[in-house]
Amino acid sequence: MERKRLSLLFLLTALASAAFAQTPALNANLPKVGTAAPALSFTQMMQASSTIGADWPSLHGKVVVLEFWATWCAPCIGEIPILNSLAASVDPSKVQIISVDDEDPAVVQAFLKKKPIQGGIGLDTSSKVFERYGVDARPATVVVGPDGRVASTTLHPEQLSSANLLALANGGPLNAATPAAATQAQLDQATAQAFSEQVGPSDAASNTLFQISLTPGEPTEAGKEPNTHMMMRGPGLLDITNASADALLNMGAGIPATHISASGNVSSALYNLHVQAPNAAPDELARAIELAVASGAHLRIERHTEMKDAYVLKAGPEAASHLTQSSSGGGAFYSHKNQALQCINATPAQVAGALEEALGTTVVDETGLDGKLMGSLKVAPKDISSASAALATLGLTLTSAKRPIETVALVPEKPLAPAPHGAN
């Protein structure tokens, strides 16, 4: 099955901090401080006044705050009030704030009618600006000084102020401002509200002990398929929107994508999966998600095991030191576009699954490690040497071997006919 673009948003708590998606581990390829800012090439500027340029020559001499965001990203939406206050407080002749989005203009326009954003919005529908700046997870904030060089990739909007941006504009250093308690409270409240609007009320305020629901996703219009979004808020707390059945089995039930095949005329319909089972054992929850997807998508899941060539992921003596003991859920995902393997509270088994996506061949986890990995690894597609070099930084190795490999075939089934009226 052909895999479509996947947009990821991980919220580890109900009041997720916007800073989470901006940690260096998740955006490891942001430009280095002190280097020339990569080129800007927006496909469209929205809400831009005549004072806002769209390239570095027209912005030279100004401090520029580039805020990479999306309408589906709750932490991004949580930052909007902070950025709006910041935009209202700065001198536009010295400081410009540009929000960078890669979505369809119509989607952004509709969003702005409900939640206005002050300042210019640079649309990057080709994703070239996102690629140049190495932005994999959002929100991400890049501050560029008046000399056109990167001044910060680690300060968050609540750590910026008119005072410290003015100091940078006047040739001084950019020091972090300490956010007021009221500012942090505003950020948390706005993020929680955005999250609630997208996936329902916080689980902390819910009495639900176990719930899995599968509903129809958005329809494909004019050949344009909606992006898949995944939101993980903790153990057993998961929402995936606009995903095919095989993608749900991969992301929700943990079946490696390379182990799933379609038999017959499997529907390409998209679904939304909501999981709220904080007390469920992972293996049992995976089986429950399988049942929900198979039943809702009218599929039969058939399993087969045979000996195959594979690469085995093993751990060296120092590997355990790279793992953390976290109760938060997460995963590992490979971006062919950025050639990056993202580990976000990922188990070694999840890392093996992402390696399969990168290498196009079976990878088996035999590390025996108990823990989670955080970080971004540069792995060239189908390049074993590249993967081995990246894994060596974590004390992990890949060796070739034969192993019994289970594959999953999806077989379409006819929906059950409704029972006759009045039947017992």
Protein backbone atom coordinates (compact mmCIF):
# COMPACT_ATOMS: atom_id res chain seq x y z
CA MET A 1 0.00 0.00 0.00
CA GLU A 2 1.24 3.49 -0.78
CA ARG A 3 1.96 5.53 2.35
CA LYS A 4 0.94 9.17 2.34
CA ARG A 5 2.34 12.12 4.22
CA LEU A 6 2.14 11.88 8.00
CA SER A 7 2.06 14.94 10.22
CA LEU A 8 2.98 14.22 13.83
CA LEU A 9 1.94 15.98 16.99
CA PHE A 10 2.83 14.44 20.34
CA LEU A 11 1.17 15.82 23.49
CA LEU A 12 2.49 14.05 26.56
CA THR A 13 0.15 15.73 29.05
CA ALA A 14 -3.27 17.30 28.83
CA LEU A 15 -1.65 20.72 29.33
CA ALA A 16 1.16 20.06 26.86
CA SER A 17 3.95 22.61 26.91
CA ALA A 18 4.62 24.17 23.53
CA ALA A 19 8.30 23.84 24.30
CA PHE A 20 8.09 20.04 23.92
CA ALA A 21 7.94 20.05 20.14
CA GLN A 22 10.82 22.47 19.97
CA THR A 23 13.43 20.50 21.88
CA PRO A 24 16.70 19.91 20.00
CA ALA A 25 16.02 16.15 20.09
CA LEU A 26 12.97 16.59 17.85
CA ASN A 27 14.36 19.29 15.55
CA ALA A 28 17.97 18.21 15.44
CA ASN A 29 18.60 19.79 12.02
CA LEU A 30 17.73 23.40 12.78
CA PRO A 31 20.35 25.89 11.50
CA LYS A 32 23.28 26.58 13.83
CA VAL A 33 23.40 29.83 15.79
CA GLY A 34 25.74 32.28 14.08
CA THR A 35 25.25 30.88 10.58
CA ALA A 36 23.52 32.75 7.77
CA ALA A 37 19.78 32.18 7.83
CA PRO A 38 18.64 29.87 5.00
CA ALA A 39 16.76 31.47 2.12
CA LEU A 40 13.08 32.33 2.34
CA SER A 41 10.93 31.45 -0.66
CA PHE A 42 7.28 31.69 0.37
CA THR A 43 4.68 30.73 -2.19
CA GLN A 44 2.40 33.41 -0.77
CA MET A 45 2.47 36.11 1.92
CA MET A 46 -0.79 36.62 3.80
CA GLN A 47 -1.72 39.62 5.93
CA ALA A 48 1.58 41.24 4.99
CA SER A 49 1.79 45.01 5.10
CA SER A 50 4.15 46.95 2.86
CA THR A 51 6.68 46.93 5.72
CA ILE A 52 7.03 43.15 5.71
CA GLY A 53 9.44 41.68 3.21
CA ALA A 54 9.46 38.10 2.03
CA ASP A 55 13.20 37.64 1.55
CA TRP A 56 16.38 38.47 3.45
CA PRO A 57 17.48 41.48 1.36
CA SER A 58 14.22 43.28 2.18
CA LEU A 59 14.41 42.19 5.84
CA HIS A 60 18.09 43.06 6.36
CA GLY A 61 18.65 45.26 9.40
CA LYS A 62 15.61 43.87 11.21
CA VAL A 63 15.23 41.18 13.83
CA VAL A 64 12.99 38.47 12.36
CA VAL A 65 11.10 35.87 14.38
CA LEU A 66 10.12 32.89 12.23
CA GLU A 67 7.42 30.82 13.90
CA PHE A 68 6.83 27.44 12.20
CA TRP A 69 3.29 26.28 12.96
CA ALA A 70 0.16 24.53 11.61
CA THR A 71 -3.58 24.83 12.08
CA TRP A 72 -3.74 21.22 13.38
CA CYS A 73 -1.00 21.72 15.99
CA ALA A 74 -2.49 22.44 19.43
CA PRO A 75 0.77 23.73 21.00
CA CYS A 76 1.15 26.05 17.99
CA ILE A 77 -2.35 27.41 18.58
CA GLY A 78 -1.52 27.81 22.26
CA GLU A 79 1.33 30.15 21.33
CA ILE A 80 -0.83 32.46 19.19
CA PRO A 81 -1.92 34.77 22.07
CA ILE A 82 1.73 35.04 23.19
CA LEU A 83 2.91 35.90 19.68
CA ASN A 84 0.06 38.35 19.15
CA SER A 85 0.99 40.20 22.34
CA LEU A 86 4.63 40.20 21.26
CA ALA A 87 3.73 41.56 17.80
CA ALA A 88 1.73 44.37 19.37
CA SER A 89 4.62 45.36 21.64
CA VAL A 90 7.51 45.57 19.16
CA ASP A 91 8.56 48.33 16.77
CA PRO A 92 7.76 46.92 13.29
CA SER A 93 10.59 48.99 11.81
CA LYS A 94 13.04 46.93 13.89
CA VAL A 95 11.31 43.58 14.54
CA GLN A 96 9.15 41.42 12.27
CA ILE A 97 7.27 38.28 13.22
CA ILE A 98 6.43 35.90 10.38
CA SER A 99 4.35 32.77 11.00
CA VAL A 100 5.35 30.02 8.56
CA ASP A 101 2.78 27.39 7.53
CA ASP A 102 2.84 24.74 4.78
CA GLU A 103 -0.90 24.11 4.45
CA ASP A 104 -3.38 25.04 1.74
CA PRO A 105 -4.19 28.79 1.75
CA ALA A 106 -7.92 28.07 2.07
CA VAL A 107 -7.29 26.03 5.25
CA VAL A 108 -5.24 28.83 6.77
CA GLN A 109 -7.77 31.51 5.78
CA ALA A 110 -10.62 29.57 7.39
CA PHE A 111 -8.56 29.12 10.57
CA LEU A 112 -7.67 32.83 10.79
CA LYS A 113 -11.36 33.78 10.79
CA LYS A 114 -11.69 31.92 14.10
CA LYS A 115 -8.26 32.58 15.60
CA PRO A 116 -6.60 35.72 14.19
CA ILE A 117 -2.82 35.97 14.03
CA GLN A 118 -1.08 39.34 14.07
CA GLY A 119 1.64 39.99 11.52
CA GLY A 120 2.59 38.35 8.27
CA ILE A 121 2.03 34.69 7.44
CA GLY A 122 4.40 33.06 4.99
CA LEU A 123 2.84 30.11 3.18
CA ASP A 124 5.35 27.44 2.24
CA THR A 125 3.17 25.01 0.30
CA SER A 126 6.24 23.52 -1.41
CA SER A 127 7.77 22.81 2.05
CA LYS A 128 11.09 24.21 0.83
CA VAL A 129 11.44 26.62 3.76
CA PHE A 130 10.61 23.88 6.27
CA GLU A 131 13.27 21.69 4.64
CA ARG A 132 15.95 24.39 4.60
CA TYR A 133 15.38 25.14 8.26
CA GLY A 134 15.29 21.47 9.25
CA VAL A 135 11.90 21.73 10.94
CA ASP A 136 10.47 18.25 11.54
CA ALA A 137 8.34 18.96 14.62
CA ARG A 138 6.39 22.11 15.31
CA PRO A 139 6.04 24.62 16.82
CA ALA A 140 9.60 25.75 16.21
CA THR A 141 10.93 29.28 16.65
CA VAL A 142 13.96 30.65 14.82
CA VAL A 143 15.18 34.18 15.64
CA VAL A 144 17.35 35.90 13.04
CA GLY A 145 19.41 38.96 13.93
CA PRO A 146 19.65 42.21 11.93
CA ASP A 147 22.82 40.86 10.27
CA GLY A 148 20.84 37.98 8.72
CA ARG A 149 22.44 35.38 10.99
CA VAL A 150 20.60 32.91 13.23
CA ALA A 151 20.48 34.26 16.79
CA SER A 152 18.43 31.50 18.47
CA THR A 153 16.67 28.21 17.77
CA THR A 154 15.95 27.35 21.42
CA LEU A 155 14.03 30.31 22.85
CA HIS A 156 10.27 29.90 22.89
CA PRO A 157 7.79 32.75 22.29
CA GLU A 158 7.15 33.14 26.02
CA GLN A 159 10.90 33.75 26.47
CA LEU A 160 10.89 36.59 23.93
CA SER A 161 9.98 40.20 24.75
CA SER A 162 10.14 43.59 23.11
CA ALA A 163 13.10 44.39 25.38
CA ASN A 164 15.31 41.43 24.49
CA LEU A 165 14.43 41.65 20.78
CA LEU A 166 15.23 45.39 20.80
CA ALA A 167 18.56 44.61 22.47
CA LEU A 168 19.33 42.21 19.61
CA ALA A 169 18.25 44.82 17.05
CA ASN A 170 20.73 47.27 18.61
CA GLY A 171 23.60 44.85 18.30
CA GLY A 172 23.45 43.24 21.74
CA PRO A 173 23.03 39.57 22.71
CA LEU A 174 19.68 37.80 22.78
CA ASN A 175 19.06 36.75 26.36
CA ALA A 176 16.05 34.73 27.43
CA ALA A 177 13.31 36.62 29.22
CA THR A 178 11.75 34.90 32.22
CA PRO A 179 8.07 34.39 31.41
CA ALA A 180 5.64 35.74 33.99
CA ALA A 181 3.42 33.25 35.75
CA ALA A 182 0.41 34.82 34.04
CA THR A 183 2.06 34.31 30.63
CA GLN A 184 2.73 30.64 31.31
CA ALA A 185 -0.82 30.19 32.58
CA GLN A 186 -2.13 31.84 29.41
CA LEU A 187 -0.02 29.53 27.28
CA ASP A 188 -1.17 26.41 29.14
CA GLN A 189 -4.81 27.45 28.99
CA ALA A 190 -4.73 28.28 25.27
CA THR A 191 -2.97 24.99 24.48
CA ALA A 192 -5.43 22.96 26.54
CA GLN A 193 -8.37 24.71 24.87
CA ALA A 194 -6.96 24.04 21.39
CA PHE A 195 -6.34 20.42 22.28
CA SER A 196 -9.85 20.06 23.69
CA GLU A 197 -11.37 21.55 20.52
CA GLN A 198 -9.48 19.05 18.38
CA VAL A 199 -9.87 15.77 20.25
CA GLY A 200 -12.33 16.38 23.05
CA PRO A 201 -11.98 17.26 26.73
CA SER A 202 -8.86 16.39 28.70
CA ASP A 203 -8.74 12.82 29.93
CA ALA A 204 -7.88 14.18 33.37
CA ALA A 205 -11.44 15.47 33.59
CA SER A 206 -13.02 12.33 32.18
CA ASN A 207 -14.29 9.25 34.00
CA THR A 208 -13.77 7.01 30.95
CA LEU A 209 -11.72 3.95 31.86
CA PHE A 210 -11.57 2.27 28.43
CA GLN A 211 -12.75 3.54 25.07
CA ILE A 212 -11.84 2.85 21.45
CA SER A 213 -13.82 4.42 18.63
CA LEU A 214 -13.40 4.32 14.85
CA THR A 215 -15.18 6.94 12.76
CA PRO A 216 -15.02 7.94 9.07
CA GLY A 217 -12.23 10.38 8.16
CA GLU A 218 -12.41 13.29 5.75
CA PRO A 219 -13.27 12.44 2.13
CA THR A 220 -10.69 12.79 -0.61
CA GLU A 221 -11.59 15.74 -2.81
CA ALA A 222 -10.34 16.31 -6.36
CA GLY A 223 -7.63 13.73 -5.86
CA LYS A 224 -6.23 15.55 -2.82
CA GLU A 225 -5.99 13.30 0.23
CA PRO A 226 -6.07 14.86 3.73
CA ASN A 227 -2.90 14.57 5.78
CA THR A 228 -2.74 12.05 8.60
CA HIS A 229 -2.27 13.51 12.08
CA MET A 230 -1.26 11.54 15.14
CA MET A 231 -1.64 12.85 18.68
CA MET A 232 -0.27 10.85 21.61
CA ARG A 233 -0.99 12.24 25.06
CA GLY A 234 0.40 9.47 27.23
CA PRO A 235 0.14 5.70 27.76
CA GLY A 236 -3.03 4.40 26.14
CA LEU A 237 -4.15 7.90 25.09
CA LEU A 238 -4.05 8.23 21.31
CA ASP A 239 -5.83 10.00 18.47
CA ILE A 240 -5.12 9.38 14.78
CA THR A 241 -7.09 11.25 12.13
CA ASN A 242 -7.48 10.64 8.39
CA ALA A 243 -5.55 7.38 8.24
CA SER A 244 -6.06 4.27 6.13
CA ALA A 245 -6.67 0.91 7.80
CA ASP A 246 -3.09 -0.25 7.29
CA ALA A 247 -1.74 3.02 8.73
CA LEU A 248 -3.94 2.60 11.80
CA LEU A 249 -2.66 -0.94 12.33
CA ASN A 250 0.90 0.37 11.98
CA MET A 251 0.63 3.48 14.19
CA GLY A 252 -2.06 2.28 16.58
CA ALA A 253 -1.39 -1.45 16.96
CA GLY A 254 2.36 -1.32 16.34
CA ILE A 255 2.48 -3.67 13.33
CA PRO A 256 5.48 -2.67 11.16
CA ALA A 257 4.30 -1.11 7.91
CA THR A 258 6.57 -3.39 5.88
CA HIS A 259 4.80 -6.45 7.36
CA ILE A 260 1.34 -5.39 6.17
CA SER A 261 -0.01 -6.28 2.73
CA ALA A 262 -3.41 -5.94 1.11
CA SER A 263 -5.14 -8.96 -0.36
CA GLY A 264 -7.91 -8.24 -2.80
CA ASN A 265 -9.73 -4.96 -3.21
CA VAL A 266 -9.08 -3.33 0.17
CA SER A 267 -10.83 0.02 0.48
CA SER A 268 -8.67 3.16 0.56
CA ALA A 269 -11.12 4.88 2.92
CA LEU A 270 -9.73 7.03 5.72
CA TYR A 271 -10.69 6.71 9.38
CA ASN A 272 -10.28 8.48 12.72
CA LEU A 273 -9.17 6.36 15.67
CA HIS A 274 -9.68 7.49 19.26
CA VAL A 275 -8.11 5.46 22.07
CA GLN A 276 -8.55 6.22 25.75
CA ALA A 277 -7.28 3.27 27.76
CA PRO A 278 -4.71 4.51 30.28
CA ASN A 279 -4.77 1.32 32.34
CA ALA A 280 -4.58 -1.23 29.51
CA ALA A 281 -1.54 -3.45 29.00
CA PRO A 282 0.15 -2.51 25.69
CA ASP A 283 -0.20 -5.97 24.12
CA GLU A 284 -3.87 -6.23 25.06
CA LEU A 285 -4.54 -2.71 23.80
CA ALA A 286 -2.87 -3.51 20.46
CA ARG A 287 -5.19 -6.51 20.01
CA ALA A 288 -8.22 -4.35 20.87
CA ILE A 289 -7.17 -1.75 18.28
CA GLU A 290 -6.75 -4.52 15.70
CA LEU A 291 -10.28 -5.71 16.40
CA ALA A 292 -11.70 -2.18 16.14
CA VAL A 293 -9.95 -1.50 12.81
CA ALA A 294 -10.78 -4.88 11.30
CA SER A 295 -14.42 -4.66 12.33
CA GLY A 296 -14.94 -1.03 11.35
CA ALA A 297 -13.13 -1.32 8.00
CA HIS A 298 -14.68 -4.72 7.19
CA LEU A 299 -11.37 -6.58 7.06
CA ARG A 300 -10.12 -10.00 8.01
CA ILE A 301 -6.57 -10.06 9.37
CA GLU A 302 -4.58 -13.14 8.37
CA ARG A 303 -1.14 -13.88 9.84
CA HIS A 304 1.63 -15.93 8.23
CA THR A 305 5.16 -16.73 9.50
CA GLU A 306 8.16 -17.74 7.40
CA MET A 307 11.96 -17.56 7.56
CA LYS A 308 13.29 -14.41 5.88
CA ASP A 309 16.49 -12.43 5.53
CA ALA A 310 16.52 -9.66 8.10
CA TYR A 311 18.70 -7.22 9.97
CA VAL A 312 18.90 -7.70 13.71
CA LEU A 313 19.07 -4.69 16.02
CA LYS A 314 21.37 -5.44 18.96
CA ALA A 315 22.68 -3.45 21.91
CA GLY A 316 26.28 -2.77 22.87
CA PRO A 317 27.46 -2.28 26.48
CA GLU A 318 26.83 1.49 26.42
CA ALA A 319 23.37 1.37 24.82
CA ALA A 320 21.46 1.33 28.11
CA SER A 321 22.95 4.71 29.04
CA HIS A 322 21.09 6.31 26.12
CA LEU A 323 17.67 5.14 27.29
CA THR A 324 15.32 6.85 29.70
CA GLN A 325 12.63 5.31 31.88
CA SER A 326 9.50 7.16 30.87
CA SER A 327 5.86 6.23 31.33
CA SER A 328 4.83 8.52 28.47
CA GLY A 329 3.82 7.03 25.17
CA GLY A 330 5.72 7.76 21.99
CA GLY A 331 7.03 6.25 18.81
CA ALA A 332 9.68 6.24 16.10
CA PHE A 333 8.99 7.49 12.57
CA TYR A 334 11.05 7.88 9.42
CA SER A 335 10.77 10.87 7.08
CA HIS A 336 11.97 10.09 3.56
CA LYS A 337 11.81 13.78 2.73
CA ASN A 338 14.18 14.80 5.54
CA GLN A 339 16.03 11.46 5.73
CA ALA A 340 15.54 11.58 9.49
CA LEU A 341 14.46 8.89 11.93
CA GLN A 342 12.64 10.59 14.81
CA CYS A 343 12.59 8.86 18.20
CA ILE A 344 10.09 10.32 20.64
CA ASN A 345 9.95 8.22 23.80
CA ALA A 346 10.41 5.27 21.44
CA THR A 347 10.97 1.69 22.51
CA PRO A 348 13.73 -0.28 20.72
CA ALA A 349 10.99 -2.28 18.97
CA GLN A 350 9.52 0.96 17.63
CA VAL A 351 12.97 2.04 16.46
CA ALA A 352 13.29 -1.27 14.60
CA GLY A 353 9.94 -0.60 12.90
CA ALA A 354 11.06 2.86 11.77
CA LEU A 355 14.31 1.40 10.48
CA GLU A 356 12.28 -0.96 8.33
CA GLU A 357 10.58 2.05 6.76
CA ALA A 358 13.97 3.68 6.14
CA LEU A 359 15.77 0.63 4.80
CA GLY A 360 12.92 -1.14 3.02
CA THR A 361 13.80 -4.44 4.64
CA THR A 362 12.91 -6.36 7.79
CA VAL A 363 14.54 -5.30 11.06
CA VAL A 364 14.11 -7.37 14.24
CA ASP A 365 14.64 -5.98 17.73
CA GLU A 366 16.86 -8.22 19.84
CA THR A 367 18.32 -5.53 22.09
CA GLY A 368 16.63 -6.84 25.22
CA LEU A 369 16.54 -3.25 26.47
CA ASP A 370 13.78 -1.80 28.63
CA GLY A 371 13.53 1.95 28.16
CA LYS A 372 12.78 4.78 25.73
CA LEU A 373 14.87 6.72 23.22
CA MET A 374 14.68 10.42 22.34
CA GLY A 375 16.48 11.97 19.39
CA SER A 376 16.78 12.38 15.65
CA LEU A 377 19.03 10.17 13.50
CA LYS A 378 20.10 10.97 9.94
CA VAL A 379 19.56 7.81 7.89
CA ALA A 380 19.78 7.75 4.11
CA PRO A 381 17.05 5.65 2.43
CA LYS A 382 18.00 1.98 1.89
CA ASP A 383 21.55 2.68 3.10
CA ILE A 384 22.66 0.11 5.68
CA SER A 385 26.00 1.84 6.31
CA SER A 386 24.25 5.14 6.99
CA ALA A 387 21.87 3.45 9.44
CA SER A 388 24.71 1.60 11.17
CA ALA A 389 26.69 4.81 11.63
CA ALA A 390 23.67 6.61 13.10
CA LEU A 391 22.80 3.73 15.43
CA ALA A 392 26.41 3.49 16.64
CA THR A 393 25.94 6.87 18.35
CA LEU A 394 23.35 5.14 20.56
CA GLY A 395 25.43 2.00 21.15
CA LEU A 396 23.25 -0.06 18.77
CA THR A 397 24.29 -2.32 15.90
CA LEU A 398 22.71 -3.99 12.85
CA THR A 399 23.71 -7.49 11.76
CA SER A 400 22.26 -9.61 8.96
CA ALA A 401 20.60 -12.93 9.79
CA LYS A 402 17.60 -15.12 9.02
CA ARG A 403 14.64 -14.89 11.36
CA PRO A 404 11.01 -16.15 11.44
CA ILE A 405 8.99 -13.13 10.34
CA GLU A 406 5.26 -12.70 10.80
CA THR A 407 3.38 -10.88 8.06
CA VAL A 408 -0.17 -9.57 8.13
CA ALA A 409 -2.53 -9.74 5.16
CA LEU A 410 -5.64 -7.58 5.04
CA VAL A 411 -8.53 -9.32 3.32
CA PRO A 412 -11.76 -7.38 2.57
CA GLU A 413 -15.01 -8.85 3.85
CA LYS A 414 -18.58 -7.92 3.05
CA PRO A 415 -20.38 -5.97 5.77
CA LEU A 416 -22.84 -8.04 7.75
CA ALA A 417 -26.40 -7.65 6.57
CA PRO A 418 -28.65 -5.96 9.16
CA ALA A 419 -30.94 -8.30 11.04
CA PRO A 420 -34.57 -8.33 9.84
CA HIS A 421 -36.83 -6.01 11.81
CA GLY A 422 -38.28 -7.79 14.79
CA ALA A 423 -35.81 -10.67 14.71
CA ASN A 424 -34.61 -12.01 18.05
